[in-house]
Amino acid sequence: MKDDNNFDDILNAILTLFQMAITVGWAKQMYMGMGTRGINLTRQSGSKPYLSLFFITYIIVCSFFILNLFVGVVITTYYREKE
C-alpha cells in the first residue's frame, strides 16, 4: 500500500516534511520512514531504527522555529500597540 506522504521524490519529501512540522501525526510518518527500503519498494517494519533520530531532531527544531516566530509576532504587535 502506497501512502500519499512519502519520500519517493523531492516534491513528496518536501510536502511530507511540511505536513510533519504543522501536524501531530509525525509519529506515524516516522515509523513509515524507518521501514523504507527504497523507491517503490514495500516497507519492512523497523528496518532502519537510526532514522528516528532524524525525525525527532526535525520535530524539535521545527517546534522551536515555529514557537520563535509566534513569540516574535506577539512581541512586535505588543510594541506597536504600546506606541
PDB file of N, CA and C in Angstrom:
ATOM      1  N   MET A   1       0.836  -1.174   0.000  1.00  0.00           N
ATOM      2  CA  MET A   1       0.000   0.000   0.000  1.00  0.00           C
ATOM      3  C   MET A   1       0.889   1.249   0.000  1.00  0.00           C
ATOM      4  N   LYS A   2       0.639   2.134  -0.918  1.00  0.00           N
ATOM      5  CA  LYS A   2       1.436   3.354  -1.038  1.00  0.00           C
ATOM      6  C   LYS A   2       0.724   4.492  -0.322  1.00  0.00           C
ATOM      7  N   ASP A   3       1.441   5.151   0.547  1.00  0.00           N
ATOM      8  CA  ASP A   3       0.894   6.275   1.291  1.00  0.00           C
ATOM      9  C   ASP A   3       1.077   7.553   0.482  1.00  0.00           C
ATOM     10  N   ASP A   4       0.163   8.519   0.653  1.00  0.00           N
ATOM     11  CA  ASP A   4       0.299   9.801  -0.043  1.00  0.00           C
ATOM     12  C   ASP A   4       1.525  10.573   0.436  1.00  0.00           C
ATOM     13  N   ASN A   5       1.858  10.433   1.704  1.00  0.00           N
ATOM     14  CA  ASN A   5       3.042  11.092   2.258  1.00  0.00           C
ATOM     15  C   ASN A   5       4.207  10.121   2.190  1.00  0.00           C
ATOM     16  N   ASN A   6       5.149  10.409   1.303  1.00  0.00           N
ATOM     17  CA  ASN A   6       6.297   9.521   1.154  1.00  0.00           C
ATOM     18  C   ASN A   6       7.524  10.336   0.780  1.00  0.00           C
ATOM     19  N   PHE A   7       8.641   9.668   0.667  1.00  0.00           N
ATOM     20  CA  PHE A   7       9.904  10.310   0.335  1.00  0.00           C
ATOM     21  C   PHE A   7      10.439   9.796  -0.999  1.00  0.00           C
ATOM     22  N   ASP A   8       9.555   9.398  -1.916  1.00  0.00           N
ATOM     23  CA  ASP A   8       9.981   8.822  -3.196  1.00  0.00           C
ATOM     24  C   ASP A   8      10.614   9.846  -4.129  1.00  0.00           C
ATOM     25  N   ASP A   9      10.164  11.092  -4.085  1.00  0.00           N
ATOM     26  CA  ASP A   9      10.815  12.142  -4.879  1.00  0.00           C
ATOM     27  C   ASP A   9      10.873  13.420  -4.046  1.00  0.00           C
ATOM     28  N   ILE A  10      11.563  14.413  -4.561  1.00  0.00           N
ATOM     29  CA  ILE A  10      11.839  15.615  -3.777  1.00  0.00           C
ATOM     30  C   ILE A  10      10.568  16.389  -3.433  1.00  0.00           C
ATOM     31  N   LEU A  11       9.612  16.468  -4.343  1.00  0.00           N
ATOM     32  CA  LEU A  11       8.381  17.203  -4.066  1.00  0.00           C
ATOM     33  C   LEU A  11       7.577  16.525  -2.959  1.00  0.00           C
ATOM     34  N   ASN A  12       7.414  15.211  -3.052  1.00  0.00           N
ATOM     35  CA  ASN A  12       6.702  14.489  -1.995  1.00  0.00           C
ATOM     36  C   ASN A  12       7.438  14.584  -0.662  1.00  0.00           C
ATOM     37  N   ALA A  13       8.761  14.570  -0.684  1.00  0.00           N
ATOM     38  CA  ALA A  13       9.536  14.667   0.553  1.00  0.00           C
ATOM     39  C   ALA A  13       9.334  16.023   1.213  1.00  0.00           C
ATOM     40  N   ILE A  14       9.356  17.093   0.427  1.00  0.00           N
ATOM     41  CA  ILE A  14       9.156  18.432   0.975  1.00  0.00           C
ATOM     42  C   ILE A  14       7.756  18.571   1.553  1.00  0.00           C
ATOM     43  N   LEU A  15       6.752  18.077   0.834  1.00  0.00           N
ATOM     44  CA  LEU A  15       5.375  18.149   1.334  1.00  0.00           C
ATOM     45  C   LEU A  15       5.200  17.316   2.598  1.00  0.00           C
ATOM     46  N   THR A  16       5.823  16.158   2.655  1.00  0.00           N
ATOM     47  CA  THR A  16       5.731  15.302   3.835  1.00  0.00           C
ATOM     48  C   THR A  16       6.375  15.973   5.040  1.00  0.00           C
ATOM     49  N   LEU A  17       7.556  16.551   4.855  1.00  0.00           N
ATOM     50  CA  LEU A  17       8.217  17.239   5.969  1.00  0.00           C
ATOM     51  C   LEU A  17       7.415  18.455   6.424  1.00  0.00           C
ATOM     52  N   PHE A  18       6.809  19.173   5.484  1.00  0.00           N
ATOM     53  CA  PHE A  18       5.978  20.318   5.845  1.00  0.00           C
ATOM     54  C   PHE A  18       4.774  19.872   6.663  1.00  0.00           C
ATOM     55  N   GLN A  19       4.126  18.797   6.240  1.00  0.00           N
ATOM     56  CA  GLN A  19       2.968  18.294   6.977  1.00  0.00           C
ATOM     57  C   GLN A  19       3.363  17.782   8.354  1.00  0.00           C
ATOM     58  N   MET A  20       4.544  17.199   8.460  1.00  0.00           N
ATOM     59  CA  MET A  20       5.008  16.727   9.762  1.00  0.00           C
ATOM     60  C   MET A  20       5.244  17.895  10.711  1.00  0.00           C
ATOM     61  N   ALA A  21       5.717  19.023  10.177  1.00  0.00           N
ATOM     62  CA  ALA A  21       6.039  20.171  11.030  1.00  0.00           C
ATOM     63  C   ALA A  21       4.792  20.849  11.567  1.00  0.00           C
ATOM     64  N   ILE A  22       3.660  20.766  10.857  1.00  0.00           N
ATOM     65  CA  ILE A  22       2.474  21.506  11.293  1.00  0.00           C
ATOM     66  C   ILE A  22       1.379  20.624  11.869  1.00  0.00           C
ATOM     67  N   THR A  23       1.554  19.319  11.879  1.00  0.00           N
ATOM     68  CA  THR A  23       0.513  18.433  12.413  1.00  0.00           C
ATOM     69  C   THR A  23       1.063  17.567  13.535  1.00  0.00           C
ATOM     70  N   VAL A  24       0.167  16.840  14.173  1.00  0.00           N
ATOM     71  CA  VAL A  24       0.571  15.970  15.270  1.00  0.00           C
ATOM     72  C   VAL A  24       0.768  14.529  14.816  1.00  0.00           C
ATOM     73  N   GLY A  25       0.598  14.225  13.549  1.00  0.00           N
ATOM     74  CA  GLY A  25       0.732  12.858  13.053  1.00  0.00           C
ATOM     75  C   GLY A  25       2.141  12.498  12.628  1.00  0.00           C
ATOM     76  N   TRP A  26       3.143  13.096  13.248  1.00  0.00           N
ATOM     77  CA  TRP A  26       4.513  12.867  12.811  1.00  0.00           C
ATOM     78  C   TRP A  26       5.021  11.496  13.230  1.00  0.00           C
ATOM     79  N   ALA A  27       4.482  10.909  14.283  1.00  0.00           N
ATOM     80  CA  ALA A  27       4.973   9.602  14.746  1.00  0.00           C
ATOM     81  C   ALA A  27       4.665   8.508  13.723  1.00  0.00           C
ATOM     82  N   LYS A  28       3.486   8.558  13.127  1.00  0.00           N
ATOM     83  CA  LYS A  28       3.137   7.591  12.083  1.00  0.00           C
ATOM     84  C   LYS A  28       4.110   7.710  10.917  1.00  0.00           C
ATOM     85  N   GLN A  29       4.408   8.939  10.547  1.00  0.00           N
ATOM     86  CA  GLN A  29       5.328   9.159   9.436  1.00  0.00           C
ATOM     87  C   GLN A  29       6.736   8.698   9.795  1.00  0.00           C
ATOM     88  N   MET A  30       7.129   8.853  11.046  1.00  0.00           N
ATOM     89  CA  MET A  30       8.437   8.399  11.487  1.00  0.00           C
ATOM     90  C   MET A  30       8.548   6.876  11.348  1.00  0.00           C
ATOM     91  N   TYR A  31       7.532   6.156  11.803  1.00  0.00           N
ATOM     92  CA  TYR A  31       7.573   4.698  11.702  1.00  0.00           C
ATOM     93  C   TYR A  31       7.554   4.227  10.247  1.00  0.00           C
ATOM     94  N   MET A  32       6.822   4.960   9.405  1.00  0.00           N
ATOM     95  CA  MET A  32       6.818   4.598   7.987  1.00  0.00           C
ATOM     96  C   MET A  32       8.177   4.875   7.355  1.00  0.00           C
ATOM     97  N   GLY A  33       8.816   5.968   7.746  1.00  0.00           N
ATOM     98  CA  GLY A  33      10.138   6.289   7.229  1.00  0.00           C
ATOM     99  C   GLY A  33      11.195   5.310   7.700  1.00  0.00           C
ATOM    100  N   MET A  34      11.044   4.820   8.914  1.00  0.00           N
ATOM    101  CA  MET A  34      12.008   3.849   9.436  1.00  0.00           C
ATOM    102  C   MET A  34      11.908   2.517   8.707  1.00  0.00           C
ATOM    103  N   GLY A  35      10.768   2.239   8.108  1.00  0.00           N
ATOM    104  CA  GLY A  35      10.587   0.969   7.420  1.00  0.00           C
ATOM    105  C   GLY A  35      10.880   1.004   5.934  1.00  0.00           C
ATOM    106  N   THR A  36      11.353   2.118   5.422  1.00  0.00           N
ATOM    107  CA  THR A  36      11.606   2.212   3.984  1.00  0.00           C
ATOM    108  C   THR A  36      12.822   1.393   3.580  1.00  0.00           C
ATOM    109  N   ARG A  37      12.748   0.880   2.346  1.00  0.00           N
ATOM    110  CA  ARG A  37      13.870   0.113   1.807  1.00  0.00           C
ATOM    111  C   ARG A  37      14.379   0.690   0.505  1.00  0.00           C
ATOM    112  N   GLY A  38      13.558   1.437  -0.195  1.00  0.00           N
ATOM    113  CA  GLY A  38      13.958   2.023  -1.463  1.00  0.00           C
ATOM    114  C   GLY A  38      12.744   2.574  -2.175  1.00  0.00           C
ATOM    115  N   ILE A  39      12.987   3.220  -3.321  1.00  0.00           N
ATOM    116  CA  ILE A  39      11.897   3.820  -4.082  1.00  0.00           C
ATOM    117  C   ILE A  39      10.994   2.725  -4.638  1.00  0.00           C
ATOM    118  N   ASN A  40       9.679   2.892  -4.409  1.00  0.00           N
ATOM    119  CA  ASN A  40       8.634   1.981  -4.884  1.00  0.00           C
ATOM    120  C   ASN A  40       8.785   0.550  -4.376  1.00  0.00           C
ATOM    121  N   LEU A  41       9.458   0.361  -3.241  1.00  0.00           N
ATOM    122  CA  LEU A  41       9.545  -0.953  -2.605  1.00  0.00           C
ATOM    123  C   LEU A  41       8.649  -0.955  -1.379  1.00  0.00           C
ATOM    124  N   THR A  42       8.168  -2.129  -1.021  1.00  0.00           N
ATOM    125  CA  THR A  42       7.311  -2.219   0.161  1.00  0.00           C
ATOM    126  C   THR A  42       8.132  -1.985   1.421  1.00  0.00           C
ATOM    127  N   ARG A  43       7.441  -1.528   2.461  1.00  0.00           N
ATOM    128  CA  ARG A  43       8.114  -1.244   3.721  1.00  0.00           C
ATOM    129  C   ARG A  43       8.343  -2.525   4.503  1.00  0.00           C
ATOM    130  N   GLN A  44       9.423  -2.495   5.290  1.00  0.00           N
ATOM    131  CA  GLN A  44       9.711  -3.589   6.205  1.00  0.00           C
ATOM    132  C   GLN A  44       9.764  -2.977   7.595  1.00  0.00           C
ATOM    133  N   SER A  45       8.963  -3.466   8.491  1.00  0.00           N
ATOM    134  CA  SER A  45       8.781  -2.842   9.796  1.00  0.00           C
ATOM    135  C   SER A  45      10.100  -2.714  10.563  1.00  0.00           C
ATOM    136  N   GLY A  46      10.456  -1.475  10.883  1.00  0.00           N
ATOM    137  CA  GLY A  46      11.604  -1.208  11.741  1.00  0.00           C
ATOM    138  C   GLY A  46      12.957  -1.586  11.171  1.00  0.00           C
ATOM    139  N   SER A  47      13.128  -1.493   9.863  1.00  0.00           N
ATOM    140  CA  SER A  47      14.399  -1.923   9.282  1.00  0.00           C
ATOM    141  C   SER A  47      15.519  -0.912   9.485  1.00  0.00           C
ATOM    142  N   LYS A  48      15.189   0.364   9.784  1.00  0.00           N
ATOM    143  CA  LYS A  48      16.206   1.403   9.980  1.00  0.00           C
ATOM    144  C   LYS A  48      15.870   2.236  11.218  1.00  0.00           C
ATOM    145  N   PRO A  49      16.116   1.711  12.414  1.00  0.00           N
ATOM    146  CA  PRO A  49      15.733   2.455  13.623  1.00  0.00           C
ATOM    147  C   PRO A  49      16.533   3.736  13.840  1.00  0.00           C
ATOM    148  N   TYR A  50      17.717   3.859  13.240  1.00  0.00           N
ATOM    149  CA  TYR A  50      18.520   5.061  13.421  1.00  0.00           C
ATOM    150  C   TYR A  50      17.886   6.279  12.757  1.00  0.00           C
ATOM    151  N   LEU A  51      16.938   6.093  11.844  1.00  0.00           N
ATOM    152  CA  LEU A  51      16.259   7.219  11.209  1.00  0.00           C
ATOM    153  C   LEU A  51      15.351   7.972  12.183  1.00  0.00           C
ATOM    154  N   SER A  52      15.010   7.329  13.288  1.00  0.00           N
ATOM    155  CA  SER A  52      14.172   8.019  14.277  1.00  0.00           C
ATOM    156  C   SER A  52      14.885   9.248  14.835  1.00  0.00           C
ATOM    157  N   LEU A  53      16.208   9.225  14.888  1.00  0.00           N
ATOM    158  CA  LEU A  53      16.961  10.404  15.349  1.00  0.00           C
ATOM    159  C   LEU A  53      16.723  11.605  14.446  1.00  0.00           C
ATOM    160  N   PHE A  54      16.686  11.367  13.125  1.00  0.00           N
ATOM    161  CA  PHE A  54      16.407  12.461  12.194  1.00  0.00           C
ATOM    162  C   PHE A  54      15.030  13.039  12.438  1.00  0.00           C
ATOM    163  N   PHE A  55      14.020  12.179  12.539  1.00  0.00           N
ATOM    164  CA  PHE A  55      12.649  12.651  12.690  1.00  0.00           C
ATOM    165  C   PHE A  55      12.459  13.412  14.004  1.00  0.00           C
ATOM    166  N   ILE A  56      13.010  12.904  15.087  1.00  0.00           N
ATOM    167  CA  ILE A  56      12.856  13.571  16.385  1.00  0.00           C
ATOM    168  C   ILE A  56      13.582  14.910  16.384  1.00  0.00           C
ATOM    169  N   THR A  57      14.786  14.943  15.821  1.00  0.00           N
ATOM    170  CA  THR A  57      15.532  16.205  15.721  1.00  0.00           C
ATOM    171  C   THR A  57      14.779  17.207  14.860  1.00  0.00           C
ATOM    172  N   TYR A  58      14.221  16.744  13.755  1.00  0.00           N
ATOM    173  CA  TYR A  58      13.461  17.623  12.863  1.00  0.00           C
ATOM    174  C   TYR A  58      12.265  18.230  13.580  1.00  0.00           C
ATOM    175  N   ILE A  59      11.525  17.436  14.324  1.00  0.00           N
ATOM    176  CA  ILE A  59      10.349  17.935  15.036  1.00  0.00           C
ATOM    177  C   ILE A  59      10.751  18.947  16.104  1.00  0.00           C
ATOM    178  N   ILE A  60      11.828  18.687  16.823  1.00  0.00           N
ATOM    179  CA  ILE A  60      12.277  19.618  17.863  1.00  0.00           C
ATOM    180  C   ILE A  60      12.698  20.945  17.247  1.00  0.00           C
ATOM    181  N   VAL A  61      13.488  20.900  16.180  1.00  0.00           N
ATOM    182  CA  VAL A  61      13.949  22.133  15.533  1.00  0.00           C
ATOM    183  C   VAL A  61      12.775  22.922  14.963  1.00  0.00           C
ATOM    184  N   CYS A  62      11.855  22.234  14.291  1.00  0.00           N
ATOM    185  CA  CYS A  62      10.687  22.926  13.723  1.00  0.00           C
ATOM    186  C   CYS A  62       9.806  23.514  14.812  1.00  0.00           C
ATOM    187  N   SER A  63       9.650  22.811  15.915  1.00  0.00           N
ATOM    188  CA  SER A  63       8.827  23.325  17.015  1.00  0.00           C
ATOM    189  C   SER A  63       9.422  24.610  17.580  1.00  0.00           C
ATOM    190  N   PHE A  64      10.731  24.635  17.787  1.00  0.00           N
ATOM    191  CA  PHE A  64      11.368  25.849  18.293  1.00  0.00           C
ATOM    192  C   PHE A  64      11.264  26.983  17.282  1.00  0.00           C
ATOM    193  N   PHE A  65      11.419  26.691  16.015  1.00  0.00           N
ATOM    194  CA  PHE A  65      11.336  27.710  14.978  1.00  0.00           C
ATOM    195  C   PHE A  65       9.946  28.326  14.928  1.00  0.00           C
ATOM    196  N   ILE A  66       8.915  27.491  14.929  1.00  0.00           N
ATOM    197  CA  ILE A  66       7.535  27.982  14.877  1.00  0.00           C
ATOM    198  C   ILE A  66       7.191  28.747  16.156  1.00  0.00           C
ATOM    199  N   LEU A  67       7.659  28.262  17.304  1.00  0.00           N
ATOM    200  CA  LEU A  67       7.421  28.967  18.564  1.00  0.00           C
ATOM    201  C   LEU A  67       8.093  30.332  18.556  1.00  0.00           C
ATOM    202  N   ASN A  68       9.317  30.426  18.048  1.00  0.00           N
ATOM    203  CA  ASN A  68      10.011  31.708  17.967  1.00  0.00           C
ATOM    204  C   ASN A  68       9.301  32.673  17.030  1.00  0.00           C
ATOM    205  N   LEU A  69       8.779  32.183  15.916  1.00  0.00           N
ATOM    206  CA  LEU A  69       8.009  33.043  15.019  1.00  0.00           C
ATOM    207  C   LEU A  69       6.775  33.595  15.717  1.00  0.00           C
ATOM    208  N   PHE A  70       6.067  32.746  16.429  1.00  0.00           N
ATOM    209  CA  PHE A  70       4.860  33.165  17.135  1.00  0.00           C
ATOM    210  C   PHE A  70       5.183  34.214  18.197  1.00  0.00           C
ATOM    211  N   VAL A  71       6.205  33.967  18.989  1.00  0.00           N
ATOM    212  CA  VAL A  71       6.590  34.913  20.040  1.00  0.00           C
ATOM    213  C   VAL A  71       7.037  36.236  19.422  1.00  0.00           C
ATOM    214  N   GLY A  72       7.762  36.168  18.312  1.00  0.00           N
ATOM    215  CA  GLY A  72       8.193  37.390  17.636  1.00  0.00           C
ATOM    216  C   GLY A  72       7.030  38.235  17.158  1.00  0.00           C
ATOM    217  N   VAL A  73       6.014  37.595  16.616  1.00  0.00           N
ATOM    218  CA  VAL A  73       4.831  38.327  16.151  1.00  0.00           C
ATOM    219  C   VAL A  73       4.085  38.945  17.330  1.00  0.00           C
ATOM    220  N   VAL A  74       3.965  38.210  18.408  1.00  0.00           N
ATOM    221  CA  VAL A  74       3.264  38.740  19.588  1.00  0.00           C
ATOM    222  C   VAL A  74       4.009  39.936  20.161  1.00  0.00           C
ATOM    223  N   ILE A  75       5.318  39.852  20.285  1.00  0.00           N
ATOM    224  CA  ILE A  75       6.100  40.959  20.845  1.00  0.00           C
ATOM    225  C   ILE A  75       6.051  42.175  19.924  1.00  0.00           C
ATOM    226  N   THR A  76       6.158  41.956  18.621  1.00  0.00           N
ATOM    227  CA  THR A  76       6.081  43.072  17.673  1.00  0.00           C
ATOM    228  C   THR A  76       4.724  43.763  17.753  1.00  0.00           C
ATOM    229  N   THR A  77       3.666  42.992  17.832  1.00  0.00           N
ATOM    230  CA  THR A  77       2.324  43.566  17.953  1.00  0.00           C
ATOM    231  C   THR A  77       2.173  44.321  19.263  1.00  0.00           C
ATOM    232  N   TYR A  78       2.736  43.799  20.322  1.00  0.00           N
ATOM    233  CA  TYR A  78       2.669  44.477  21.626  1.00  0.00           C
ATOM    234  C   TYR A  78       3.363  45.833  21.553  1.00  0.00           C
ATOM    235  N   TYR A  79       4.545  45.890  20.967  1.00  0.00           N
ATOM    236  CA  TYR A  79       5.273  47.166  20.867  1.00  0.00           C
ATOM    237  C   TYR A  79       4.546  48.165  19.965  1.00  0.00           C
ATOM    238  N   ARG A  80       3.911  47.695  18.927  1.00  0.00           N
ATOM    239  CA  ARG A  80       3.140  48.604  18.064  1.00  0.00           C
ATOM    240  C   ARG A  80       1.948  49.195  18.815  1.00  0.00           C
ATOM    241  N   GLU A  81       1.269  48.364  19.582  1.00  0.00           N
ATOM    242  CA  GLU A  81       0.116  48.830  20.346  1.00  0.00           C
ATOM    243  C   GLU A  81       0.541  49.775  21.461  1.00  0.00           C
ATOM    244  N   LYS A  82       1.717  49.551  22.020  1.00  0.00           N
ATOM    245  CA  LYS A  82       2.215  50.392  23.097  1.00  0.00           C
ATOM    246  C   LYS A  82       2.503  51.801  22.607  1.00  0.00           C
ATOM    247  N   GLU A  83       2.997  51.915  21.379  1.00  0.00           N
ATOM    248  CA  GLU A  83       3.287  53.237  20.820  1.00  0.00           C
ATOM    249  C   GLU A  83       1.999  53.897  20.423  1.00  0.00           C
TER     250      GLU A  83
END
